[in-house]
Amino acid sequence: MNQKEKDIFYMSKALAEAKTAFEKDEVPVGAVIVSNDKIIARAHNLTEMLNDVTAHAEMQAITSAANYLGGKYLNDCTLYVTLEPCQMCAGAMYWAQLSRLVFGASDPHRGYRKFNTTLHPKTKVSYGVLSNECKLLIDAFFIKKRKLKKT
């Protein structure tokens, strides 16, 4: 498998996590962390269930991967996430020294790029992988929320 095929494969796994979040009435963002072509962490948003504004998919995945590896640095890992990370999550990625970030849909309102938040200098970024599927899921969630609010 070439890198593009791997990115699509792992993003589809992150998208499955996002669908789980959707089913739990959480903002549907999913993440997986990969090291040496193996998924070492899977997560989705849990902010509603845990009553915790920091329980974003990326934060959950970083914690899980660090526990799996037995250390706080993820410098040989790639994080796949369905939505552009916020500045909080980008900050956590900076401190974790993540090797690579791959995200699906851009977040022009709250994404880290809007606020010029920097990632670790060694972190490589790719985006737009399965972006339509990722965006459609997020949009469906908020459309559903608006419809419920009106009734």
Protein backbone atom coordinates (compact mmCIF):
# COMPACT_ATOMS: atom_id res chain seq x y z
CA MET A 1 0.00 0.00 0.00
CA ASN A 2 1.29 3.45 -0.85
CA GLN A 3 0.96 6.39 1.58
CA LYS A 4 -2.23 7.74 -0.02
CA GLU A 5 -3.91 4.32 0.30
CA LYS A 6 -2.75 4.03 3.93
CA ASP A 7 -4.11 7.49 4.69
CA ILE A 8 -7.51 6.57 3.26
CA PHE A 9 -7.52 3.25 5.14
CA TYR A 10 -6.69 4.80 8.53
CA MET A 11 -8.97 7.78 8.02
CA SER A 12 -11.81 5.34 7.38
CA LYS A 13 -11.05 3.87 10.83
CA ALA A 14 -11.19 7.36 12.34
CA LEU A 15 -14.47 7.92 10.51
CA ALA A 16 -15.86 4.75 12.11
CA GLU A 17 -14.99 6.26 15.50
CA ALA A 18 -16.75 9.48 14.51
CA LYS A 19 -19.87 7.47 13.62
CA THR A 20 -19.75 5.90 17.08
CA ALA A 21 -19.66 9.41 18.57
CA PHE A 22 -22.64 10.38 16.39
CA GLU A 23 -24.61 7.42 17.74
CA LYS A 24 -23.80 8.56 21.30
CA ASP A 25 -25.03 12.10 20.52
CA GLU A 26 -21.48 13.45 20.72
CA VAL A 27 -20.03 15.80 18.11
CA PRO A 28 -18.89 13.19 15.59
CA VAL A 29 -15.14 13.46 15.59
CA GLY A 30 -13.03 10.31 15.55
CA ALA A 31 -9.32 9.66 15.77
CA VAL A 32 -6.82 6.85 15.49
CA ILE A 33 -3.10 6.88 16.16
CA VAL A 34 -0.84 4.66 14.09
CA SER A 35 2.71 3.53 14.81
CA ASN A 36 4.62 1.20 12.50
CA ASP A 37 1.49 0.55 10.43
CA LYS A 38 -0.46 -0.56 13.52
CA ILE A 39 -3.36 1.25 15.18
CA ILE A 40 -2.29 1.80 18.79
CA ALA A 41 -5.17 4.07 19.85
CA ARG A 42 -8.78 4.67 18.82
CA ALA A 43 -11.00 7.39 20.22
CA HIS A 44 -13.97 9.64 19.63
CA ASN A 45 -15.38 12.71 21.33
CA LEU A 46 -16.63 12.07 24.86
CA THR A 47 -17.25 15.62 26.04
CA GLU A 48 -20.96 15.09 26.75
CA MET A 49 -20.63 11.69 28.38
CA LEU A 50 -17.71 12.72 30.59
CA ASN A 51 -18.94 16.28 31.14
CA ASP A 52 -15.44 17.38 30.18
CA VAL A 53 -14.62 20.05 27.61
CA THR A 54 -11.16 18.54 27.14
CA ALA A 55 -12.45 15.08 26.17
CA HIS A 56 -11.91 15.63 22.45
CA ALA A 57 -11.15 12.61 20.27
CA GLU A 58 -7.54 13.74 19.79
CA MET A 59 -6.93 14.17 23.53
CA GLN A 60 -8.40 10.73 24.26
CA ALA A 61 -6.28 9.17 21.51
CA ILE A 62 -3.06 10.88 22.66
CA THR A 63 -3.58 9.65 26.22
CA SER A 64 -4.35 6.12 25.03
CA ALA A 65 -1.32 6.01 22.70
CA ALA A 66 1.01 7.34 25.40
CA ASN A 67 -0.24 4.66 27.79
CA TYR A 68 0.23 1.99 25.12
CA LEU A 69 3.78 3.13 24.39
CA GLY A 70 4.66 3.73 28.02
CA GLY A 71 5.86 7.28 27.36
CA LYS A 72 4.54 10.75 26.64
CA TYR A 73 6.19 11.30 23.26
CA LEU A 74 4.51 10.20 20.04
CA ASN A 75 7.40 11.07 17.75
CA ASP A 76 6.99 7.93 15.64
CA CYS A 77 3.21 8.19 15.36
CA THR A 78 0.59 9.52 12.97
CA LEU A 79 -2.71 10.89 14.24
CA TYR A 80 -5.66 10.55 11.86
CA VAL A 81 -8.64 12.70 12.85
CA THR A 82 -11.84 13.45 10.96
CA LEU A 83 -11.89 17.19 11.74
CA GLU A 84 -9.11 19.76 11.86
CA PRO A 85 -7.95 19.90 15.47
CA CYS A 86 -8.70 22.88 17.68
CA GLN A 87 -5.91 24.89 19.25
CA MET A 88 -6.12 22.90 22.52
CA CYS A 89 -5.59 19.60 20.69
CA ALA A 90 -2.87 21.13 18.50
CA GLY A 91 -1.09 22.22 21.68
CA ALA A 92 -1.28 18.69 23.07
CA MET A 93 0.11 17.38 19.77
CA TYR A 94 2.96 19.87 20.03
CA TRP A 95 3.92 18.61 23.49
CA ALA A 96 3.53 14.97 22.42
CA GLN A 97 5.93 15.70 19.53
CA LEU A 98 3.63 13.94 17.07
CA SER A 99 5.39 12.96 13.83
CA ARG A 100 2.44 13.41 11.52
CA LEU A 101 -1.11 14.76 11.58
CA VAL A 102 -3.67 13.79 8.95
CA PHE A 103 -7.12 15.33 9.11
CA GLY A 104 -10.23 15.06 7.00
CA ALA A 105 -12.49 18.11 7.08
CA SER A 106 -11.21 21.61 7.70
CA ASP A 107 -12.70 23.64 10.56
CA PRO A 108 -12.70 27.28 9.46
CA HIS A 109 -14.38 28.40 12.71
CA ARG A 110 -12.38 26.64 15.43
CA GLY A 111 -9.49 24.87 13.69
CA TYR A 112 -5.94 25.44 14.88
CA ARG A 113 -4.91 27.09 11.59
CA LYS A 114 -7.40 29.94 12.11
CA PHE A 115 -5.61 30.88 15.32
CA ASN A 116 -2.12 30.35 13.90
CA THR A 117 -1.45 27.69 16.53
CA THR A 118 1.77 25.90 15.74
CA LEU A 119 2.45 22.20 15.85
CA HIS A 120 5.84 20.75 16.73
CA PRO A 121 8.38 21.77 14.06
CA LYS A 122 8.92 18.10 13.13
CA THR A 123 5.20 17.38 12.68
CA LYS A 124 4.18 16.91 9.06
CA VAL A 125 0.59 17.72 8.14
CA SER A 126 -1.70 16.31 5.45
CA TYR A 127 -5.36 17.18 5.11
CA GLY A 128 -8.39 16.61 2.96
CA VAL A 129 -8.35 12.80 3.30
CA LEU A 130 -11.99 11.63 3.00
CA SER A 131 -12.93 15.26 3.66
CA ASN A 132 -16.39 14.98 2.06
CA GLU A 133 -17.39 12.00 4.18
CA CYS A 134 -16.05 13.67 7.32
CA LYS A 135 -17.83 16.95 6.59
CA LEU A 136 -21.11 15.24 5.73
CA LEU A 137 -21.16 13.46 9.09
CA ILE A 138 -20.47 16.68 11.03
CA ASP A 139 -23.10 18.55 9.00
CA ALA A 140 -25.68 15.80 9.55
CA PHE A 141 -25.09 15.99 13.30
CA PHE A 142 -25.67 19.74 13.51
CA ILE A 143 -28.66 19.61 11.15
CA LYS A 144 -30.20 17.00 13.45
CA LYS A 145 -29.44 19.18 16.49
CA ARG A 146 -31.08 22.24 14.91
CA LYS A 147 -34.18 20.23 13.96
CA LEU A 148 -34.52 18.91 17.52
CA LYS A 149 -34.11 22.41 18.89
CA LYS A 150 -37.00 23.69 16.75
CA THR A 151 -39.45 21.06 18.01
